[in-house]
């Protein structure tokens, strides 16, 4: 599982904007986060679950944003279709 734990940490860094923000979110020392990312130390399961929760929340937000954008584009398409007539 170490590879999975490290991949989730890398994804979470992207979501939050970098290792400093992720360390702050996880309430971990930057050196500890670096050790987890490098595989030198094993990340506790409770921390892993916090990271997964963050990523799932981010996916939910992306899905809501995509749905809103699709609705907006649908409205724009309808307006453009009306202008053609």
Protein backbone atom coordinates (compact mmCIF):
# COMPACT_ATOMS: atom_id res chain seq x y z
CA UNK A 1 0.00 0.00 0.00
CA UNK A 2 2.89 2.47 0.31
CA UNK A 3 2.57 3.40 -3.38
CA UNK A 4 -1.11 4.17 -2.99
CA UNK A 5 -0.45 6.29 0.09
CA UNK A 6 2.25 8.27 -1.72
CA UNK A 7 0.09 8.78 -4.83
CA UNK A 8 -2.76 10.15 -2.73
CA UNK A 9 -0.35 12.57 -1.04
CA UNK A 10 0.92 13.79 -4.41
CA UNK A 11 -2.67 14.33 -5.61
CA UNK A 12 -3.57 16.16 -2.41
CA UNK A 13 -0.59 18.47 -2.91
CA UNK A 14 -2.00 19.40 -6.30
CA UNK A 15 -5.44 20.06 -4.85
CA UNK A 16 -4.15 22.28 -2.05
CA UNK A 17 -1.38 23.98 -3.99
CA UNK A 18 1.77 22.40 -2.63
CA UNK A 19 3.47 20.61 0.23
CA UNK A 20 3.29 23.51 2.69
CA UNK A 21 -0.49 23.75 2.37
CA UNK A 22 -0.83 19.97 2.61
CA UNK A 23 1.33 19.80 5.74
CA UNK A 24 -0.78 22.54 7.29
CA UNK A 25 -4.01 20.74 6.32
CA UNK A 26 -2.75 17.50 7.83
CA UNK A 27 -1.30 19.28 10.88
CA UNK A 28 2.02 17.61 10.16
CA UNK A 29 5.55 18.93 10.18
CA UNK A 30 6.89 19.54 6.65
CA UNK A 31 9.74 17.11 7.38
CA UNK A 32 7.23 14.42 8.33
CA UNK A 33 5.27 15.02 5.13
CA UNK A 34 8.50 14.80 3.14
CA UNK A 35 9.30 11.47 4.81
CA UNK A 36 5.83 10.13 3.90
CA UNK A 37 6.19 11.36 0.32
CA UNK A 38 9.61 9.79 -0.09
CA UNK A 39 8.50 6.52 1.45
CA UNK A 40 11.01 6.81 4.29
CA UNK A 41 8.20 6.70 6.84
CA UNK A 42 4.82 5.04 6.68
CA UNK A 43 1.88 7.41 6.82
CA UNK A 44 -0.63 6.57 9.58
CA UNK A 45 -3.95 5.20 8.37
CA UNK A 46 -5.84 8.09 10.00
CA UNK A 47 -3.81 10.58 7.94
CA UNK A 48 -4.37 8.56 4.78
CA UNK A 49 -8.12 8.67 5.40
CA UNK A 50 -7.99 12.47 5.81
CA UNK A 51 -6.20 12.71 2.46
CA UNK A 52 -8.76 10.45 0.78
CA UNK A 53 -11.56 12.56 2.26
CA UNK A 54 -9.93 15.70 0.86
CA UNK A 55 -9.66 14.16 -2.60
CA UNK A 56 -13.26 12.93 -2.55
CA UNK A 57 -14.48 16.38 -1.50
CA UNK A 58 -12.47 17.87 -4.34
CA UNK A 59 -14.01 15.40 -6.81
CA UNK A 60 -17.48 16.34 -5.58
CA UNK A 61 -16.68 20.02 -6.09
CA UNK A 62 -15.35 19.36 -9.59
CA UNK A 63 -18.48 17.41 -10.49
CA UNK A 64 -20.72 20.22 -9.21
CA UNK A 65 -18.68 22.77 -11.16
CA UNK A 66 -18.84 20.67 -14.33
CA UNK A 67 -22.61 20.25 -13.98
CA UNK A 68 -23.07 24.00 -13.49
CA UNK A 69 -20.87 24.71 -16.51
CA UNK A 70 -22.87 22.24 -18.61
CA UNK A 71 -26.13 23.88 -17.54
CA UNK A 72 -24.70 27.30 -18.40
CA UNK A 73 -23.51 26.09 -21.79
CA UNK A 74 -26.92 24.58 -22.44
CA UNK A 75 -28.53 27.95 -21.73
CA UNK A 76 -26.05 29.71 -24.02
CA UNK A 77 -26.76 27.17 -26.78
CA UNK A 78 -30.51 27.76 -26.44
CA UNK A 79 -30.02 31.54 -26.68
CA UNK A 80 -27.83 31.13 -29.76
CA UNK A 81 -30.41 28.84 -31.34
CA UNK A 82 -33.13 31.47 -30.74
CA UNK A 83 -30.97 34.13 -32.44
CA UNK A 84 -30.70 31.95 -35.56
CA UNK A 85 -34.47 32.02 -36.10
